[in-house]
Amino acid sequence: MAIKQHDGIYCSPLLDMHPGFVHAYSTKMLGDMRNKKKREYFLRVCGLSDYSLILPKQVHGSRVVTLDSLKDHAIAIADGLVLSQSPVSDRREKIAIAVRIADCVPLLFVDPKSRISGVAHAGWRGTFAGIATNTVRAMEKLGAHTEDISVSIGPHIGMCCYDVPRDRAQMFLNAYGNDKKIAYNDNHLWHLDIGYVNYRQLLSVGIRADHIDVSTLCTSCQRADFYSYRRDTKATFGEMIGLVAFCGT
């Protein structure tokens, strides 16, 4: 689940259990994150005003980029980022990594022992292609351990509002079995739960069930708190951000 904070952000109770880093999901209250000043304000709200915010150039794929320094921001054409803040990395830059969201599934990863973090933006294409799995594998290459990784699956469009073409639903059912938690037909409309698919993928690569926090908030239903690509018009649409940053020593 995700819990709303008084300053217009949502946080994961699971990730809050781990000291030494900050994470947050922005809301409509903080405005459209496509606006640079709004992003800077979001960082201030999170206590990260002196951090550089790195956002990938998202393409609805499954590519995950490992960041070595701030210069990588210019080449991060991907839907996932991973970053090491371990002592052996000798990192002096203050970096927050983030993804833009507005119905797609945001994933925030942290291994507090190895001080390795990750973020991913999982639309239906990226979900089907396994971006959650790719992010875990990229973290492992940096030295993370699956038994130590905690993941927040943040607010996203729910199965209630995500109706899809039959062939798209069938793709997922063919891949994951006839599971009504993934897709079902209601009055000739197929509904898909990509949040649950990402949960299944995380379990399949060894992430513990009690280390996964799944938000039940629907960005389409909760119109007061979230922007929604599907629901909003061009005039009312905006983007939100999910971020994570290590801040402890």
Protein backbone atom coordinates (compact mmCIF):
# COMPACT_ATOMS: atom_id res chain seq x y z
CA MET A 1 0.00 0.00 0.00
CA ALA A 2 0.98 3.67 -0.15
CA ILE A 3 0.16 6.22 2.52
CA LYS A 4 -0.48 9.89 1.85
CA GLN A 5 1.66 12.37 3.74
CA HIS A 6 0.51 15.83 4.80
CA ASP A 7 2.77 17.55 2.28
CA GLY A 8 1.13 16.09 -0.82
CA ILE A 9 3.20 12.96 -1.34
CA TYR A 10 2.65 9.23 -0.97
CA CYS A 11 5.16 6.93 0.68
CA SER A 12 5.50 3.18 1.16
CA PRO A 13 5.32 1.94 4.77
CA LEU A 14 7.62 -0.92 3.77
CA LEU A 15 10.36 1.33 2.43
CA ASP A 16 9.90 3.67 5.38
CA MET A 17 11.16 0.84 7.58
CA HIS A 18 14.65 1.21 6.12
CA PRO A 19 16.66 4.22 7.35
CA GLY A 20 19.21 6.11 5.29
CA PHE A 21 17.24 6.90 2.16
CA VAL A 22 14.26 8.92 0.96
CA HIS A 23 11.49 7.84 -1.38
CA ALA A 24 8.24 9.47 -2.48
CA TYR A 25 5.49 9.62 -5.09
CA SER A 26 4.27 13.07 -6.07
CA THR A 27 0.58 13.99 -6.42
CA LYS A 28 -1.55 16.56 -8.23
CA MET A 29 -1.19 18.78 -5.17
CA LEU A 30 2.45 19.32 -6.14
CA GLY A 31 1.59 19.95 -9.78
CA ASP A 32 2.73 18.72 -13.17
CA MET A 33 6.25 17.28 -12.89
CA ARG A 34 6.99 18.21 -16.50
CA ASN A 35 7.51 21.69 -15.07
CA LYS A 36 11.08 22.22 -13.84
CA LYS A 37 10.04 24.49 -10.97
CA LYS A 38 7.48 21.92 -9.81
CA ARG A 39 10.16 19.22 -9.82
CA GLU A 40 12.49 21.42 -7.83
CA TYR A 41 9.73 22.06 -5.29
CA PHE A 42 9.08 18.31 -5.04
CA LEU A 43 12.74 17.79 -4.20
CA ARG A 44 12.50 20.45 -1.49
CA VAL A 45 9.42 18.79 -0.02
CA CYS A 46 11.39 15.53 0.10
CA GLY A 47 14.36 17.25 1.74
CA LEU A 48 16.50 16.75 -1.35
CA SER A 49 16.92 20.30 -2.59
CA ASP A 50 20.69 19.85 -2.96
CA TYR A 51 20.32 16.62 -4.97
CA SER A 52 20.46 16.22 -8.73
CA LEU A 53 17.33 14.54 -10.07
CA ILE A 54 17.95 12.01 -12.84
CA LEU A 55 15.00 10.98 -14.97
CA PRO A 56 15.42 8.56 -17.88
CA LYS A 57 14.06 9.29 -21.33
CA GLN A 58 11.21 6.80 -21.08
CA VAL A 59 10.21 4.86 -24.18
CA HIS A 60 7.80 2.24 -22.76
CA GLY A 61 10.40 -0.46 -23.03
CA SER A 62 12.32 -2.74 -20.67
CA ARG A 63 15.84 -1.31 -20.85
CA VAL A 64 17.55 -0.58 -17.53
CA VAL A 65 20.60 1.71 -17.35
CA THR A 66 23.24 1.50 -14.62
CA LEU A 67 24.39 4.98 -13.69
CA ASP A 68 28.06 5.60 -13.04
CA SER A 69 27.87 9.39 -12.74
CA LEU A 70 25.73 12.42 -13.52
CA LYS A 71 27.00 12.44 -17.09
CA ASP A 72 25.00 9.27 -17.72
CA HIS A 73 21.81 11.32 -17.50
CA ALA A 74 22.38 12.46 -21.07
CA ILE A 75 22.33 8.89 -22.41
CA ALA A 76 19.71 7.32 -20.15
CA ILE A 77 17.20 6.37 -22.83
CA ALA A 78 15.48 3.70 -20.80
CA ASP A 79 12.58 2.92 -18.48
CA GLY A 80 14.71 1.85 -15.55
CA LEU A 81 17.73 3.15 -13.64
CA VAL A 82 19.95 1.56 -11.01
CA LEU A 83 22.51 3.28 -8.84
CA SER A 84 25.06 2.25 -6.22
CA GLN A 85 25.80 4.47 -3.24
CA SER A 86 27.95 1.87 -1.50
CA PRO A 87 31.25 2.98 0.07
CA VAL A 88 33.22 1.14 -2.61
CA SER A 89 31.55 3.24 -5.29
CA ASP A 90 33.31 6.33 -3.87
CA ARG A 91 30.34 8.43 -4.99
CA ARG A 92 30.38 12.07 -3.92
CA GLU A 93 27.49 13.26 -6.07
CA LYS A 94 24.08 13.61 -4.45
CA ILE A 95 21.68 11.89 -6.82
CA ALA A 96 17.99 11.08 -6.72
CA ILE A 97 16.75 8.70 -9.41
CA ALA A 98 13.16 8.81 -10.57
CA VAL A 99 10.58 7.88 -13.18
CA ARG A 100 7.63 9.82 -14.59
CA ILE A 101 4.19 8.25 -14.15
CA ALA A 102 0.55 8.87 -15.03
CA ASP A 103 -1.15 5.41 -15.02
CA CYS A 104 1.84 3.17 -15.72
CA VAL A 105 3.33 1.24 -12.80
CA PRO A 106 6.15 2.92 -10.86
CA LEU A 107 8.60 0.58 -9.13
CA LEU A 108 11.02 1.75 -6.45
CA PHE A 109 13.78 -0.68 -5.40
CA VAL A 110 16.22 -0.50 -2.52
CA ASP A 111 18.80 -2.83 -1.04
CA PRO A 112 19.62 -1.04 2.23
CA LYS A 113 22.54 -3.36 3.03
CA SER A 114 24.36 -2.88 -0.25
CA ARG A 115 23.06 0.70 -0.67
CA ILE A 116 21.88 0.01 -4.18
CA SER A 117 18.66 1.53 -5.50
CA GLY A 118 16.56 1.28 -8.62
CA VAL A 119 13.51 2.78 -10.28
CA ALA A 120 11.39 1.51 -13.14
CA HIS A 121 8.46 2.69 -15.23
CA ALA A 122 6.34 -0.28 -16.28
CA GLY A 123 3.70 0.28 -18.91
CA TRP A 124 2.06 -2.78 -20.41
CA ARG A 125 4.86 -3.20 -22.96
CA GLY A 126 7.61 -2.85 -20.39
CA THR A 127 5.73 -5.12 -18.01
CA PHE A 128 5.32 -7.84 -20.62
CA ALA A 129 9.00 -7.52 -21.56
CA GLY A 130 10.03 -7.95 -17.90
CA ILE A 131 11.38 -4.60 -16.78
CA ALA A 132 10.90 -5.57 -13.11
CA THR A 133 13.10 -8.62 -13.67
CA ASN A 134 15.66 -6.57 -15.60
CA THR A 135 15.92 -4.04 -12.78
CA VAL A 136 16.57 -6.73 -10.18
CA ARG A 137 19.22 -8.33 -12.40
CA ALA A 138 20.92 -4.97 -12.93
CA MET A 139 20.99 -4.39 -9.16
CA GLU A 140 22.47 -7.85 -8.63
CA LYS A 141 25.30 -7.02 -11.04
CA LEU A 142 26.18 -4.08 -8.79
CA GLY A 143 26.26 -6.34 -5.73
CA ALA A 144 22.67 -6.34 -4.43
CA HIS A 145 21.13 -9.52 -3.04
CA THR A 146 17.55 -10.49 -3.83
CA GLU A 147 16.84 -11.44 -0.21
CA ASP A 148 17.73 -7.88 0.83
CA ILE A 149 15.84 -5.97 -1.89
CA SER A 150 12.57 -4.25 -0.97
CA VAL A 151 10.24 -2.98 -3.68
CA SER A 152 7.37 -0.52 -3.69
CA ILE A 153 4.83 -0.94 -6.48
CA GLY A 154 3.34 2.54 -6.44
CA PRO A 155 0.01 4.08 -7.46
CA HIS A 156 -1.02 3.11 -10.99
CA ILE A 157 -4.13 2.49 -13.03
CA GLY A 158 -6.02 -0.38 -11.48
CA MET A 159 -7.68 -3.36 -13.07
CA CYS A 160 -10.98 -1.59 -12.42
CA CYS A 161 -10.20 1.11 -15.00
CA TYR A 162 -7.71 -0.57 -17.32
CA ASP A 163 -9.75 -2.14 -20.10
CA VAL A 164 -7.65 -3.46 -22.97
CA PRO A 165 -8.08 -5.21 -26.32
CA ARG A 166 -8.68 -8.95 -26.13
CA ASP A 167 -5.39 -9.79 -27.81
CA ARG A 168 -3.43 -7.82 -25.21
CA ALA A 169 -5.16 -9.58 -22.34
CA GLN A 170 -4.55 -12.92 -24.06
CA MET A 171 -0.82 -12.19 -24.39
CA PHE A 172 -0.55 -11.97 -20.62
CA LEU A 173 -2.79 -14.97 -19.97
CA ASN A 174 -0.74 -17.06 -22.39
CA ALA A 175 2.44 -16.03 -20.57
CA TYR A 176 1.22 -16.36 -16.99
CA GLY A 177 -1.64 -18.84 -17.13
CA ASN A 178 -5.38 -18.40 -16.84
CA ASP A 179 -5.25 -16.18 -13.76
CA LYS A 180 -8.22 -13.86 -13.20
CA LYS A 181 -6.00 -11.68 -11.03
CA ILE A 182 -4.13 -10.82 -14.23
CA ALA A 183 -6.99 -10.44 -16.72
CA TYR A 184 -10.71 -11.10 -16.87
CA ASN A 185 -13.64 -10.39 -19.16
CA ASP A 186 -16.54 -8.32 -17.88
CA ASN A 187 -19.46 -7.54 -20.17
CA HIS A 188 -17.29 -7.96 -23.30
CA LEU A 189 -14.50 -5.77 -21.89
CA TRP A 190 -11.14 -7.24 -20.94
CA HIS A 191 -9.45 -5.80 -17.84
CA LEU A 192 -5.75 -6.16 -17.10
CA ASP A 193 -3.78 -5.74 -13.86
CA ILE A 194 -0.20 -4.86 -14.77
CA GLY A 195 0.63 -4.10 -11.16
CA TYR A 196 -0.07 -7.71 -10.24
CA VAL A 197 2.00 -8.94 -13.19
CA ASN A 198 4.98 -6.97 -11.90
CA TYR A 199 4.39 -8.50 -8.46
CA ARG A 200 4.46 -11.98 -10.01
CA GLN A 201 7.70 -11.16 -11.83
CA LEU A 202 9.37 -9.95 -8.65
CA LEU A 203 8.46 -13.15 -6.85
CA SER A 204 9.77 -15.22 -9.75
CA VAL A 205 13.26 -13.69 -9.47
CA GLY A 206 13.52 -14.26 -5.74
CA ILE A 207 12.16 -11.09 -4.11
CA ARG A 208 10.44 -12.08 -0.88
CA ALA A 209 6.67 -11.50 -0.73
CA ASP A 210 7.04 -9.59 2.53
CA HIS A 211 9.58 -7.33 0.79
CA ILE A 212 7.04 -6.16 -1.80
CA ASP A 213 4.59 -3.35 -1.06
CA VAL A 214 1.74 -3.15 -3.60
CA SER A 215 -0.33 0.03 -3.76
CA THR A 216 -4.06 -0.49 -4.28
CA LEU A 217 -4.55 3.16 -5.26
CA CYS A 218 -5.86 3.63 -8.79
CA THR A 219 -4.61 6.74 -10.57
CA SER A 220 -7.77 6.81 -12.68
CA CYS A 221 -10.23 6.45 -9.78
CA GLN A 222 -8.42 8.77 -7.36
CA ARG A 223 -8.90 11.89 -9.47
CA ALA A 224 -8.30 14.30 -6.56
CA ASP A 225 -4.78 12.96 -5.96
CA PHE A 226 -3.44 11.70 -9.27
CA TYR A 227 -3.12 12.58 -12.93
CA SER A 228 -4.27 9.89 -15.34
CA TYR A 229 -3.25 9.54 -18.98
CA ARG A 230 -6.45 7.65 -19.75
CA ARG A 231 -8.87 9.81 -17.80
CA ASP A 232 -7.56 13.34 -18.24
CA THR A 233 -7.92 15.66 -21.20
CA LYS A 234 -5.00 17.47 -22.80
CA ALA A 235 -5.89 20.52 -20.70
CA THR A 236 -5.99 18.65 -17.37
CA PHE A 237 -3.22 16.08 -17.90
CA GLY A 238 0.04 16.17 -15.97
CA GLU A 239 2.81 13.82 -14.89
CA MET A 240 3.87 12.62 -11.47
CA ILE A 241 7.18 11.29 -10.24
CA GLY A 242 8.35 8.39 -8.09
CA LEU A 243 11.85 8.85 -6.69
CA VAL A 244 14.41 7.28 -4.37
CA ALA A 245 17.67 8.67 -2.98
CA PHE A 246 20.17 7.50 -0.40
CA CYS A 247 20.87 10.23 2.13
CA GLY A 248 22.49 8.46 5.08
CA THR A 249 26.18 7.88 5.61
